[in-house]
């Protein structure tokens, strides 16, 4: 039985009082019955096949070492080479907007008499 370090043998049961022996045997039988039910599917039981999707695949076990998006450890990095400036139609410097107030001030104007905290 999974999760138990003590194996229940007939010898161990025989050392118990008669009432306890009956209870132990009944519980072991019930445990076995429940384990058998867990292992059943429409393929190995009397349940009709229509209860299982015809294209059902067993769920894949989730691996602990799931890979993340992007380059993986040990993978050589690939960077696209820049074009020579002579082959470009337009050259310019692009900077990222760093602050929330800069985004707000470029896209919205404050109501008259108020500002955005600058």
PDB file of N, CA and C in Angstrom:
ATOM      1  N   UNK A   1       0.834  -1.177   0.000  1.00  0.00           N
ATOM      2  CA  UNK A   1       0.000   0.000   0.000  1.00  0.00           C
ATOM      3  C   UNK A   1       0.880   1.242   0.000  1.00  0.00           C
ATOM      4  N   UNK A   2       0.503   2.237  -0.793  1.00  0.00           N
ATOM      5  CA  UNK A   2       1.296   3.454  -0.893  1.00  0.00           C
ATOM      6  C   UNK A   2       1.185   4.272   0.376  1.00  0.00           C
ATOM      7  N   UNK A   3       2.273   4.901   0.748  1.00  0.00           N
ATOM      8  CA  UNK A   3       2.279   5.808   1.873  1.00  0.00           C
ATOM      9  C   UNK A   3       2.364   5.145   3.238  1.00  0.00           C
ATOM     10  N   UNK A   4       2.358   3.818   3.289  1.00  0.00           N
ATOM     11  CA  UNK A   4       2.459   3.136   4.585  1.00  0.00           C
ATOM     12  C   UNK A   4       3.808   2.458   4.680  1.00  0.00           C
ATOM     13  N   UNK A   5       4.471   2.669   5.787  1.00  0.00           N
ATOM     14  CA  UNK A   5       5.761   2.029   5.968  1.00  0.00           C
ATOM     15  C   UNK A   5       5.604   0.679   6.658  1.00  0.00           C
ATOM     16  N   UNK A   6       4.426   0.428   7.243  1.00  0.00           N
ATOM     17  CA  UNK A   6       4.179  -0.816   7.955  1.00  0.00           C
ATOM     18  C   UNK A   6       3.382  -1.744   7.053  1.00  0.00           C
ATOM     19  N   UNK A   7       3.911  -2.910   6.801  1.00  0.00           N
ATOM     20  CA  UNK A   7       3.190  -3.883   5.989  1.00  0.00           C
ATOM     21  C   UNK A   7       2.289  -4.695   6.910  1.00  0.00           C
ATOM     22  N   UNK A   8       1.020  -4.771   6.564  1.00  0.00           N
ATOM     23  CA  UNK A   8       0.059  -5.497   7.386  1.00  0.00           C
ATOM     24  C   UNK A   8       0.012  -6.941   6.894  1.00  0.00           C
ATOM     25  N   UNK A   9       0.528  -7.843   7.692  1.00  0.00           N
ATOM     26  CA  UNK A   9       0.587  -9.258   7.317  1.00  0.00           C
ATOM     27  C   UNK A   9      -0.455 -10.038   8.105  1.00  0.00           C
ATOM     28  N   UNK A  10      -0.712 -11.252   7.664  1.00  0.00           N
ATOM     29  CA  UNK A  10      -1.643 -12.127   8.390  1.00  0.00           C
ATOM     30  C   UNK A  10      -1.118 -12.418   9.795  1.00  0.00           C
ATOM     31  N   UNK A  11       0.188 -12.516   9.925  1.00  0.00           N
ATOM     32  CA  UNK A  11       0.788 -12.772  11.236  1.00  0.00           C
ATOM     33  C   UNK A  11       0.496 -11.627  12.199  1.00  0.00           C
ATOM     34  N   UNK A  12       0.591 -10.394  11.691  1.00  0.00           N
ATOM     35  CA  UNK A  12       0.308  -9.220  12.511  1.00  0.00           C
ATOM     36  C   UNK A  12      -1.170  -9.179  12.899  1.00  0.00           C
ATOM     37  N   UNK A  13      -2.036  -9.514  11.956  1.00  0.00           N
ATOM     38  CA  UNK A  13      -3.473  -9.523  12.239  1.00  0.00           C
ATOM     39  C   UNK A  13      -3.811 -10.609  13.263  1.00  0.00           C
ATOM     40  N   UNK A  14      -3.179 -11.781  13.150  1.00  0.00           N
ATOM     41  CA  UNK A  14      -3.467 -12.907  14.045  1.00  0.00           C
ATOM     42  C   UNK A  14      -3.127 -12.593  15.499  1.00  0.00           C
ATOM     43  N   UNK A  15      -2.233 -11.666  15.741  1.00  0.00           N
ATOM     44  CA  UNK A  15      -1.847 -11.305  17.105  1.00  0.00           C
ATOM     45  C   UNK A  15      -2.883 -10.392  17.772  1.00  0.00           C
ATOM     46  N   UNK A  16      -3.855  -9.895  16.998  1.00  0.00           N
ATOM     47  CA  UNK A  16      -4.858  -8.961  17.525  1.00  0.00           C
ATOM     48  C   UNK A  16      -6.068  -9.729  18.066  1.00  0.00           C
ATOM     49  N   UNK A  17      -6.882  -9.108  18.903  1.00  0.00           N
ATOM     50  CA  UNK A  17      -8.117  -9.747  19.381  1.00  0.00           C
ATOM     51  C   UNK A  17      -9.046 -10.028  18.192  1.00  0.00           C
ATOM     52  N   UNK A  18      -9.965 -10.967  18.366  1.00  0.00           N
ATOM     53  CA  UNK A  18     -10.837 -11.392  17.260  1.00  0.00           C
ATOM     54  C   UNK A  18     -11.646 -10.245  16.676  1.00  0.00           C
ATOM     55  N   UNK A  19     -12.179  -9.367  17.532  1.00  0.00           N
ATOM     56  CA  UNK A  19     -12.948  -8.223  17.034  1.00  0.00           C
ATOM     57  C   UNK A  19     -12.082  -7.323  16.172  1.00  0.00           C
ATOM     58  N   UNK A  20     -10.853  -7.050  16.627  1.00  0.00           N
ATOM     59  CA  UNK A  20      -9.929  -6.200  15.884  1.00  0.00           C
ATOM     60  C   UNK A  20      -9.545  -6.855  14.560  1.00  0.00           C
ATOM     61  N   UNK A  21      -9.388  -8.192  14.559  1.00  0.00           N
ATOM     62  CA  UNK A  21      -9.055  -8.909  13.320  1.00  0.00           C
ATOM     63  C   UNK A  21     -10.152  -8.704  12.288  1.00  0.00           C
ATOM     64  N   UNK A  22     -11.406  -8.806  12.711  1.00  0.00           N
ATOM     65  CA  UNK A  22     -12.526  -8.643  11.784  1.00  0.00           C
ATOM     66  C   UNK A  22     -12.557  -7.227  11.218  1.00  0.00           C
ATOM     67  N   UNK A  23     -12.325  -6.239  12.090  1.00  0.00           N
ATOM     68  CA  UNK A  23     -12.333  -4.837  11.645  1.00  0.00           C
ATOM     69  C   UNK A  23     -11.187  -4.588  10.676  1.00  0.00           C
ATOM     70  N   UNK A  24     -10.005  -5.087  10.996  1.00  0.00           N
ATOM     71  CA  UNK A  24      -8.827  -4.875  10.141  1.00  0.00           C
ATOM     72  C   UNK A  24      -9.057  -5.498   8.767  1.00  0.00           C
ATOM     73  N   UNK A  25      -9.559  -6.730   8.729  1.00  0.00           N
ATOM     74  CA  UNK A  25      -9.800  -7.394   7.443  1.00  0.00           C
ATOM     75  C   UNK A  25     -10.860  -6.646   6.624  1.00  0.00           C
ATOM     76  N   UNK A  26     -11.916  -6.158   7.296  1.00  0.00           N
ATOM     77  CA  UNK A  26     -12.953  -5.398   6.587  1.00  0.00           C
ATOM     78  C   UNK A  26     -12.383  -4.105   6.013  1.00  0.00           C
ATOM     79  N   UNK A  27     -11.566  -3.416   6.787  1.00  0.00           N
ATOM     80  CA  UNK A  27     -10.962  -2.165   6.313  1.00  0.00           C
ATOM     81  C   UNK A  27      -9.986  -2.409   5.168  1.00  0.00           C
ATOM     82  N   UNK A  28      -9.197  -3.467   5.267  1.00  0.00           N
ATOM     83  CA  UNK A  28      -8.260  -3.787   4.174  1.00  0.00           C
ATOM     84  C   UNK A  28      -9.016  -4.126   2.896  1.00  0.00           C
ATOM     85  N   UNK A  29     -10.137  -4.854   3.029  1.00  0.00           N
ATOM     86  CA  UNK A  29     -10.940  -5.186   1.848  1.00  0.00           C
ATOM     87  C   UNK A  29     -11.519  -3.915   1.220  1.00  0.00           C
ATOM     88  N   UNK A  30     -11.984  -2.989   2.061  1.00  0.00           N
ATOM     89  CA  UNK A  30     -12.549  -1.732   1.558  1.00  0.00           C
ATOM     90  C   UNK A  30     -11.472  -0.890   0.880  1.00  0.00           C
ATOM     91  N   UNK A  31     -10.289  -0.835   1.461  1.00  0.00           N
ATOM     92  CA  UNK A  31      -9.180  -0.090   0.848  1.00  0.00           C
ATOM     93  C   UNK A  31      -8.859  -0.671  -0.526  1.00  0.00           C
ATOM     94  N   UNK A  32      -8.800  -1.985  -0.625  1.00  0.00           N
ATOM     95  CA  UNK A  32      -8.502  -2.630  -1.905  1.00  0.00           C
ATOM     96  C   UNK A  32      -9.588  -2.325  -2.935  1.00  0.00           C
ATOM     97  N   UNK A  33     -10.851  -2.344  -2.498  1.00  0.00           N
ATOM     98  CA  UNK A  33     -11.966  -2.051  -3.395  1.00  0.00           C
ATOM     99  C   UNK A  33     -11.872  -0.616  -3.923  1.00  0.00           C
ATOM    100  N   UNK A  34     -11.561   0.327  -3.062  1.00  0.00           N
ATOM    101  CA  UNK A  34     -11.432   1.724  -3.477  1.00  0.00           C
ATOM    102  C   UNK A  34     -10.244   1.931  -4.406  1.00  0.00           C
ATOM    103  N   UNK A  35      -9.134   1.245  -4.151  1.00  0.00           N
ATOM    104  CA  UNK A  35      -7.975   1.356  -5.038  1.00  0.00           C
ATOM    105  C   UNK A  35      -8.305   0.792  -6.419  1.00  0.00           C
ATOM    106  N   UNK A  36      -9.061  -0.304  -6.455  1.00  0.00           N
ATOM    107  CA  UNK A  36      -9.458  -0.884  -7.741  1.00  0.00           C
ATOM    108  C   UNK A  36     -10.362   0.078  -8.510  1.00  0.00           C
ATOM    109  N   UNK A  37     -11.245   0.781  -7.802  1.00  0.00           N
ATOM    110  CA  UNK A  37     -12.117   1.748  -8.466  1.00  0.00           C
ATOM    111  C   UNK A  37     -11.316   2.903  -9.057  1.00  0.00           C
ATOM    112  N   UNK A  38     -10.271   3.329  -8.364  1.00  0.00           N
ATOM    113  CA  UNK A  38      -9.443   4.417  -8.878  1.00  0.00           C
ATOM    114  C   UNK A  38      -8.755   4.038 -10.180  1.00  0.00           C
ATOM    115  N   UNK A  39      -8.424   2.778 -10.344  1.00  0.00           N
ATOM    116  CA  UNK A  39      -7.681   2.323 -11.511  1.00  0.00           C
ATOM    117  C   UNK A  39      -8.581   1.932 -12.673  1.00  0.00           C
ATOM    118  N   UNK A  40      -9.891   2.137 -12.555  1.00  0.00           N
ATOM    119  CA  UNK A  40     -10.800   1.734 -13.626  1.00  0.00           C
ATOM    120  C   UNK A  40     -10.989   2.841 -14.646  1.00  0.00           C
ATOM    121  N   UNK A  41     -11.212   2.431 -15.871  1.00  0.00           N
ATOM    122  CA  UNK A  41     -11.570   3.331 -16.958  1.00  0.00           C
ATOM    123  C   UNK A  41     -12.561   2.573 -17.826  1.00  0.00           C
ATOM    124  N   UNK A  42     -13.191   3.203 -18.790  1.00  0.00           N
ATOM    125  CA  UNK A  42     -14.132   2.472 -19.651  1.00  0.00           C
ATOM    126  C   UNK A  42     -13.481   1.308 -20.398  1.00  0.00           C
ATOM    127  N   UNK A  43     -12.175   1.343 -20.529  1.00  0.00           N
ATOM    128  CA  UNK A  43     -11.493   0.268 -21.252  1.00  0.00           C
ATOM    129  C   UNK A  43     -11.346  -1.002 -20.424  1.00  0.00           C
ATOM    130  N   UNK A  44     -11.321  -0.890 -19.090  1.00  0.00           N
ATOM    131  CA  UNK A  44     -11.113  -2.083 -18.269  1.00  0.00           C
ATOM    132  C   UNK A  44     -12.234  -2.292 -17.245  1.00  0.00           C
ATOM    133  N   UNK A  45     -13.431  -1.736 -17.515  1.00  0.00           N
ATOM    134  CA  UNK A  45     -14.542  -1.929 -16.588  1.00  0.00           C
ATOM    135  C   UNK A  45     -15.839  -2.092 -17.378  1.00  0.00           C
ATOM    136  N   UNK A  46     -16.940  -2.210 -16.668  1.00  0.00           N
ATOM    137  CA  UNK A  46     -18.230  -2.389 -17.331  1.00  0.00           C
ATOM    138  C   UNK A  46     -18.884  -1.056 -17.673  1.00  0.00           C
ATOM    139  N   UNK A  47     -18.210   0.037 -17.458  1.00  0.00           N
ATOM    140  CA  UNK A  47     -18.739   1.350 -17.800  1.00  0.00           C
ATOM    141  C   UNK A  47     -18.796   1.457 -19.324  1.00  0.00           C
ATOM    142  N   UNK A  48     -19.882   2.004 -19.889  1.00  0.00           N
ATOM    143  CA  UNK A  48     -19.968   2.090 -21.345  1.00  0.00           C
ATOM    144  C   UNK A  48     -18.882   2.994 -21.932  1.00  0.00           C
ATOM    145  N   UNK A  49     -18.386   2.645 -23.113  1.00  0.00           N
ATOM    146  CA  UNK A  49     -17.319   3.440 -23.733  1.00  0.00           C
ATOM    147  C   UNK A  49     -17.725   4.881 -24.017  1.00  0.00           C
ATOM    148  N   UNK A  50     -19.034   5.133 -24.109  1.00  0.00           N
ATOM    149  CA  UNK A  50     -19.474   6.496 -24.419  1.00  0.00           C
ATOM    150  C   UNK A  50     -19.147   7.483 -23.310  1.00  0.00           C
ATOM    151  N   UNK A  51     -18.797   6.998 -22.129  1.00  0.00           N
ATOM    152  CA  UNK A  51     -18.460   7.911 -21.043  1.00  0.00           C
ATOM    153  C   UNK A  51     -17.060   8.487 -21.193  1.00  0.00           C
ATOM    154  N   UNK A  52     -16.270   7.922 -22.097  1.00  0.00           N
ATOM    155  CA  UNK A  52     -14.917   8.436 -22.336  1.00  0.00           C
ATOM    156  C   UNK A  52     -14.886   9.069 -23.709  1.00  0.00           C
ATOM    157  N   UNK A  53     -14.298  10.239 -23.799  1.00  0.00           N
ATOM    158  CA  UNK A  53     -14.180  10.925 -25.084  1.00  0.00           C
ATOM    159  C   UNK A  53     -13.358  10.060 -26.028  1.00  0.00           C
ATOM    160  N   UNK A  54     -13.775   9.915 -27.286  1.00  0.00           N
ATOM    161  CA  UNK A  54     -13.062   9.004 -28.192  1.00  0.00           C
ATOM    162  C   UNK A  54     -11.613   9.398 -28.470  1.00  0.00           C
ATOM    163  N   UNK A  55     -11.323  10.671 -28.369  1.00  0.00           N
ATOM    164  CA  UNK A  55      -9.949  11.123 -28.652  1.00  0.00           C
ATOM    165  C   UNK A  55      -9.232  11.568 -27.386  1.00  0.00           C
ATOM    166  N   UNK A  56      -9.741  11.137 -26.250  1.00  0.00           N
ATOM    167  CA  UNK A  56      -9.154  11.568 -24.981  1.00  0.00           C
ATOM    168  C   UNK A  56      -7.743  11.025 -24.835  1.00  0.00           C
ATOM    169  N   UNK A  57      -6.875  11.891 -24.465  1.00  0.00           N
ATOM    170  CA  UNK A  57      -5.493  11.488 -24.204  1.00  0.00           C
ATOM    171  C   UNK A  57      -5.270  11.558 -22.706  1.00  0.00           C
ATOM    172  N   UNK A  58      -4.472  10.668 -22.165  1.00  0.00           N
ATOM    173  CA  UNK A  58      -4.198  10.756 -20.733  1.00  0.00           C
ATOM    174  C   UNK A  58      -3.449  12.058 -20.432  1.00  0.00           C
ATOM    175  N   UNK A  59      -3.743  12.686 -19.297  1.00  0.00           N
ATOM    176  CA  UNK A  59      -3.067  13.942 -18.989  1.00  0.00           C
ATOM    177  C   UNK A  59      -1.564  13.731 -18.839  1.00  0.00           C
ATOM    178  N   UNK A  60      -0.819  14.665 -19.422  1.00  0.00           N
ATOM    179  CA  UNK A  60       0.635  14.580 -19.331  1.00  0.00           C
ATOM    180  C   UNK A  60       1.097  14.992 -17.951  1.00  0.00           C
ATOM    181  N   UNK A  61       2.042  14.270 -17.396  1.00  0.00           N
ATOM    182  CA  UNK A  61       2.563  14.698 -16.097  1.00  0.00           C
ATOM    183  C   UNK A  61       3.347  15.996 -16.267  1.00  0.00           C
ATOM    184  N   UNK A  62       3.146  16.914 -15.344  1.00  0.00           N
ATOM    185  CA  UNK A  62       3.859  18.192 -15.412  1.00  0.00           C
ATOM    186  C   UNK A  62       5.298  17.977 -14.965  1.00  0.00           C
ATOM    187  N   UNK A  63       6.204  18.371 -15.820  1.00  0.00           N
ATOM    188  CA  UNK A  63       7.607  18.205 -15.457  1.00  0.00           C
ATOM    189  C   UNK A  63       8.035  19.371 -14.574  1.00  0.00           C
ATOM    190  N   UNK A  64       8.927  19.110 -13.658  1.00  0.00           N
ATOM    191  CA  UNK A  64       9.412  20.137 -12.753  1.00  0.00           C
ATOM    192  C   UNK A  64      10.337  21.107 -13.479  1.00  0.00           C
ATOM    193  N   UNK A  65      10.959  20.640 -14.543  1.00  0.00           N
ATOM    194  CA  UNK A  65      11.933  21.465 -15.258  1.00  0.00           C
ATOM    195  C   UNK A  65      11.303  22.029 -16.531  1.00  0.00           C
ATOM    196  N   UNK A  66      10.122  22.631 -16.419  1.00  0.00           N
ATOM    197  CA  UNK A  66       9.463  23.210 -17.592  1.00  0.00           C
ATOM    198  C   UNK A  66      10.316  24.362 -18.123  1.00  0.00           C
ATOM    199  N   UNK A  67      10.513  24.352 -19.434  1.00  0.00           N
ATOM    200  CA  UNK A  67      11.350  25.390 -20.022  1.00  0.00           C
ATOM    201  C   UNK A  67      10.552  26.684 -20.184  1.00  0.00           C
ATOM    202  N   UNK A  68      11.206  27.770 -19.962  1.00  0.00           N
ATOM    203  CA  UNK A  68      10.583  29.069 -20.135  1.00  0.00           C
ATOM    204  C   UNK A  68      10.768  29.549 -21.563  1.00  0.00           C
ATOM    205  N   UNK A  69      10.024  30.595 -21.914  1.00  0.00           N
ATOM    206  CA  UNK A  69      10.131  31.164 -23.251  1.00  0.00           C
ATOM    207  C   UNK A  69      11.512  31.779 -23.452  1.00  0.00           C
ATOM    208  N   UNK A  70      11.925  31.855 -24.694  1.00  0.00           N
ATOM    209  CA  UNK A  70      13.179  32.518 -25.015  1.00  0.00           C
ATOM    210  C   UNK A  70      14.345  31.554 -25.084  1.00  0.00           C
ATOM    211  N   UNK A  71      15.538  32.111 -25.147  1.00  0.00           N
ATOM    212  CA  UNK A  71      16.745  31.294 -25.244  1.00  0.00           C
ATOM    213  C   UNK A  71      16.943  30.444 -24.004  1.00  0.00           C
ATOM    214  N   UNK A  72      17.334  29.225 -24.219  1.00  0.00           N
ATOM    215  CA  UNK A  72      17.528  28.290 -23.114  1.00  0.00           C
ATOM    216  C   UNK A  72      18.997  28.290 -22.685  1.00  0.00           C
ATOM    217  N   UNK A  73      19.262  27.889 -21.450  1.00  0.00           N
ATOM    218  CA  UNK A  73      20.653  27.846 -20.999  1.00  0.00           C
ATOM    219  C   UNK A  73      21.493  26.960 -21.919  1.00  0.00           C
ATOM    220  N   UNK A  74      22.649  27.468 -22.303  1.00  0.00           N
ATOM    221  CA  UNK A  74      23.535  26.714 -23.182  1.00  0.00           C
ATOM    222  C   UNK A  74      23.306  26.999 -24.659  1.00  0.00           C
ATOM    223  N   UNK A  75      22.235  27.714 -24.970  1.00  0.00           N
ATOM    224  CA  UNK A  75      21.926  28.022 -26.374  1.00  0.00           C
ATOM    225  C   UNK A  75      22.729  29.234 -26.800  1.00  0.00           C
ATOM    226  N   UNK A  76      23.355  29.181 -27.979  1.00  0.00           N
ATOM    227  CA  UNK A  76      24.137  30.321 -28.447  1.00  0.00           C
ATOM    228  C   UNK A  76      23.192  31.436 -28.872  1.00  0.00           C
ATOM    229  N   UNK A  77      23.508  32.638 -28.470  1.00  0.00           N
ATOM    230  CA  UNK A  77      22.644  33.775 -28.737  1.00  0.00           C
ATOM    231  C   UNK A  77      22.765  34.196 -30.197  1.00  0.00           C
ATOM    232  N   UNK A  78      21.612  34.524 -30.786  1.00  0.00           N
ATOM    233  CA  UNK A  78      21.598  35.032 -32.147  1.00  0.00           C
ATOM    234  C   UNK A  78      21.091  36.457 -32.112  1.00  0.00           C
ATOM    235  N   UNK A  79      21.878  37.394 -32.673  1.00  0.00           N
ATOM    236  CA  UNK A  79      21.468  38.788 -32.762  1.00  0.00           C
ATOM    237  C   UNK A  79      21.524  39.175 -34.228  1.00  0.00           C
ATOM    238  N   UNK A  80      20.445  39.753 -34.697  1.00  0.00           N
ATOM    239  CA  UNK A  80      20.397  40.167 -36.087  1.00  0.00           C
ATOM    240  C   UNK A  80      21.390  41.295 -36.335  1.00  0.00           C
ATOM    241  N   UNK A  81      22.221  41.169 -37.359  1.00  0.00           N
ATOM    242  CA  UNK A  81      23.190  42.247 -37.607  1.00  0.00           C
ATOM    243  C   UNK A  81      22.488  43.507 -38.128  1.00  0.00           C
ATOM    244  N   UNK A  82      23.015  44.656 -37.750  1.00  0.00           N
ATOM    245  CA  UNK A  82      22.453  45.920 -38.229  1.00  0.00           C
ATOM    246  C   UNK A  82      22.839  46.153 -39.683  1.00  0.00           C
ATOM    247  N   UNK A  83      21.946  46.818 -40.404  1.00  0.00           N
ATOM    248  CA  UNK A  83      22.247  47.169 -41.793  1.00  0.00           C
ATOM    249  C   UNK A  83      23.213  48.349 -41.820  1.00  0.00           C
ATOM    250  N   UNK A  84      24.055  48.407 -42.816  1.00  0.00           N
ATOM    251  CA  UNK A  84      24.888  49.606 -42.951  1.00  0.00           C
ATOM    252  C   UNK A  84      23.988  50.814 -43.190  1.00  0.00           C
ATOM    253  N   UNK A  85      24.386  51.984 -42.700  1.00  0.00           N
ATOM    254  CA  UNK A  85      23.537  53.174 -42.796  1.00  0.00           C
ATOM    255  C   UNK A  85      23.255  53.558 -44.245  1.00  0.00           C
ATOM    256  N   UNK A  86      24.087  53.153 -45.180  1.00  0.00           N
ATOM    257  CA  UNK A  86      23.855  53.464 -46.587  1.00  0.00           C
ATOM    258  C   UNK A  86      22.662  52.706 -47.159  1.00  0.00           C
ATOM    259  N   UNK A  87      22.305  51.597 -46.588  1.00  0.00           N
ATOM    260  CA  UNK A  87      21.180  50.793 -47.072  1.00  0.00           C
ATOM    261  C   UNK A  87      19.862  51.157 -46.393  1.00  0.00           C
ATOM    262  N   UNK A  88      19.903  52.063 -45.412  1.00  0.00           N
ATOM    263  CA  UNK A  88      18.694  52.438 -44.682  1.00  0.00           C
ATOM    264  C   UNK A  88      18.025  53.625 -45.347  1.00  0.00           C
ATOM    265  N   UNK A  89      16.671  53.621 -45.322  1.00  0.00           N
ATOM    266  CA  UNK A  89      15.918  54.768 -45.829  1.00  0.00           C
ATOM    267  C   UNK A  89      15.928  55.904 -44.808  1.00  0.00           C
ATOM    268  N   UNK A  90      15.908  55.527 -43.543  1.00  0.00           N
ATOM    269  CA  UNK A  90      15.801  56.526 -42.493  1.00  0.00           C
ATOM    270  C   UNK A  90      16.592  56.050 -41.283  1.00  0.00           C
ATOM    271  N   UNK A  91      17.361  56.932 -40.676  1.00  0.00           N
ATOM    272  CA  UNK A  91      18.100  56.602 -39.464  1.00  0.00           C
ATOM    273  C   UNK A  91      17.640  57.530 -38.363  1.00  0.00           C
ATOM    274  N   UNK A  92      17.512  57.004 -37.147  1.00  0.00           N
ATOM    275  CA  UNK A  92      17.092  57.852 -36.040  1.00  0.00           C
ATOM    276  C   UNK A  92      17.338  57.146 -34.728  1.00  0.00           C
ATOM    277  N   UNK A  93      17.233  57.915 -33.656  1.00  0.00           N
ATOM    278  CA  UNK A  93      17.435  57.390 -32.324  1.00  0.00           C
ATOM    279  C   UNK A  93      16.077  57.276 -31.646  1.00  0.00           C
ATOM    280  N   UNK A  94      15.771  56.107 -31.134  1.00  0.00           N
ATOM    281  CA  UNK A  94      14.499  55.880 -30.443  1.00  0.00           C
ATOM    282  C   UNK A  94      14.784  55.678 -28.966  1.00  0.00           C
ATOM    283  N   UNK A  95      14.076  56.430 -28.131  1.00  0.00           N
ATOM    284  CA  UNK A  95      14.247  56.304 -26.693  1.00  0.00           C
ATOM    285  C   UNK A  95      12.934  55.848 -26.071  1.00  0.00           C
ATOM    286  N   UNK A  96      13.015  55.040 -25.045  1.00  0.00           N
ATOM    287  CA  UNK A  96      11.821  54.584 -24.337  1.00  0.00           C
ATOM    288  C   UNK A  96      11.361  55.671 -23.376  1.00  0.00           C
ATOM    289  N   UNK A  97      10.056  55.826 -23.262  1.00  0.00           N
ATOM    290  CA  UNK A  97       9.504  56.775 -22.304  1.00  0.00           C
ATOM    291  C   UNK A  97       9.581  56.118 -20.937  1.00  0.00           C
ATOM    292  N   UNK A  98      10.204  56.795 -19.986  1.00  0.00           N
ATOM    293  CA  UNK A  98      10.530  56.144 -18.730  1.00  0.00           C
ATOM    294  C   UNK A  98       9.515  56.358 -17.622  1.00  0.00           C
ATOM    295  N   UNK A  99       8.771  57.453 -17.637  1.00  0.00           N
ATOM    296  CA  UNK A  99       7.929  57.730 -16.486  1.00  0.00           C
ATOM    297  C   UNK A  99       6.466  57.816 -16.866  1.00  0.00           C
ATOM    298  N   UNK A 100       5.602  57.563 -15.894  1.00  0.00           N
ATOM    299  CA  UNK A 100       4.162  57.630 -16.094  1.00  0.00           C
ATOM    300  C   UNK A 100       3.747  59.060 -16.426  1.00  0.00           C
ATOM    301  N   UNK A 101       4.333  60.034 -15.743  1.00  0.00           N
ATOM    302  CA  UNK A 101       3.950  61.427 -15.990  1.00  0.00           C
ATOM    303  C   UNK A 101       4.330  61.861 -17.405  1.00  0.00           C
ATOM    304  N   UNK A 102       5.422  61.312 -17.942  1.00  0.00           N
ATOM    305  CA  UNK A 102       5.809  61.650 -19.313  1.00  0.00           C
ATOM    306  C   UNK A 102       4.797  61.087 -20.303  1.00  0.00           C
ATOM    307  N   UNK A 103       4.289  59.880 -20.035  1.00  0.00           N
ATOM    308  CA  UNK A 103       3.284  59.283 -20.916  1.00  0.00           C
ATOM    309  C   UNK A 103       1.995  60.094 -20.858  1.00  0.00           C
ATOM    310  N   UNK A 104       1.573  60.436 -19.650  1.00  0.00           N
ATOM    311  CA  UNK A 104       0.341  61.201 -19.478  1.00  0.00           C
ATOM    312  C   UNK A 104       0.453  62.559 -20.164  1.00  0.00           C
ATOM    313  N   UNK A 105       1.570  63.238 -19.963  1.00  0.00           N
ATOM    314  CA  UNK A 105       1.703  64.585 -20.523  1.00  0.00           C
ATOM    315  C   UNK A 105       1.798  64.561 -22.039  1.00  0.00           C
ATOM    316  N   UNK A 106       2.267  63.470 -22.658  1.00  0.00           N
ATOM    317  CA  UNK A 106       2.340  63.426 -24.112  1.00  0.00           C
ATOM    318  C   UNK A 106       1.015  63.054 -24.748  1.00  0.00           C
ATOM    319  N   UNK A 107       0.129  62.369 -24.022  1.00  0.00           N
ATOM    320  CA  UNK A 107      -1.122  61.901 -24.615  1.00  0.00           C
ATOM    321  C   UNK A 107      -2.354  62.653 -24.143  1.00  0.00           C
ATOM    322  N   UNK A 108      -2.283  63.304 -23.002  1.00  0.00           N
ATOM    323  CA  UNK A 108      -3.446  63.977 -22.435  1.00  0.00           C
ATOM    324  C   UNK A 108      -3.058  65.380 -22.018  1.00  0.00           C
ATOM    325  N   UNK A 109      -4.016  66.271 -22.137  1.00  0.00           N
ATOM    326  CA  UNK A 109      -3.758  67.612 -21.605  1.00  0.00           C
ATOM    327  C   UNK A 109      -4.601  67.766 -20.350  1.00  0.00           C
ATOM    328  N   UNK A 110      -4.076  68.390 -19.305  1.00  0.00           N
ATOM    329  CA  UNK A 110      -4.829  68.531 -18.056  1.00  0.00           C
ATOM    330  C   UNK A 110      -5.974  69.521 -18.220  1.00  0.00           C
ATOM    331  N   UNK A 111      -7.016  69.389 -17.406  1.00  0.00           N
ATOM    332  CA  UNK A 111      -8.101  70.386 -17.438  1.00  0.00           C
ATOM    333  C   UNK A 111      -7.540  71.762 -17.089  1.00  0.00           C
ATOM    334  N   UNK A 112      -8.230  72.785 -17.532  1.00  0.00           N
ATOM    335  CA  UNK A 112      -7.725  74.154 -17.303  1.00  0.00           C
ATOM    336  C   UNK A 112      -7.562  74.419 -15.815  1.00  0.00           C
ATOM    337  N   UNK A 113      -6.458  74.999 -15.453  1.00  0.00           N
ATOM    338  CA  UNK A 113      -6.187  75.361 -14.080  1.00  0.00           C
ATOM    339  C   UNK A 113      -5.610  74.206 -13.246  1.00  0.00           C
ATOM    340  N   UNK A 114      -5.439  73.023 -13.842  1.00  0.00           N
ATOM    341  CA  UNK A 114      -4.887  71.882 -13.119  1.00  0.00           C
ATOM    342  C   UNK A 114      -3.703  71.324 -13.895  1.00  0.00           C
ATOM    343  N   UNK A 115      -2.831  70.639 -13.169  1.00  0.00           N
ATOM    344  CA  UNK A 115      -1.754  69.930 -13.843  1.00  0.00           C
ATOM    345  C   UNK A 115      -1.693  68.525 -13.269  1.00  0.00           C
ATOM    346  N   UNK A 116      -0.851  67.674 -13.828  1.00  0.00           N
ATOM    347  CA  UNK A 116      -0.754  66.274 -13.428  1.00  0.00           C
ATOM    348  C   UNK A 116       0.274  66.054 -12.329  1.00  0.00           C
ATOM    349  N   UNK A 117       0.601  67.075 -11.596  1.00  0.00           N
ATOM    350  CA  UNK A 117       1.542  66.895 -10.477  1.00  0.00           C
ATOM    351  C   UNK A 117       2.976  67.149 -10.846  1.00  0.00           C
ATOM    352  N   UNK A 118       3.201  67.870 -11.898  1.00  0.00           N
ATOM    353  CA  UNK A 118       4.582  68.167 -12.276  1.00  0.00           C
ATOM    354  C   UNK A 118       5.005  69.503 -11.745  1.00  0.00           C
TER     355      UNK A 118
END
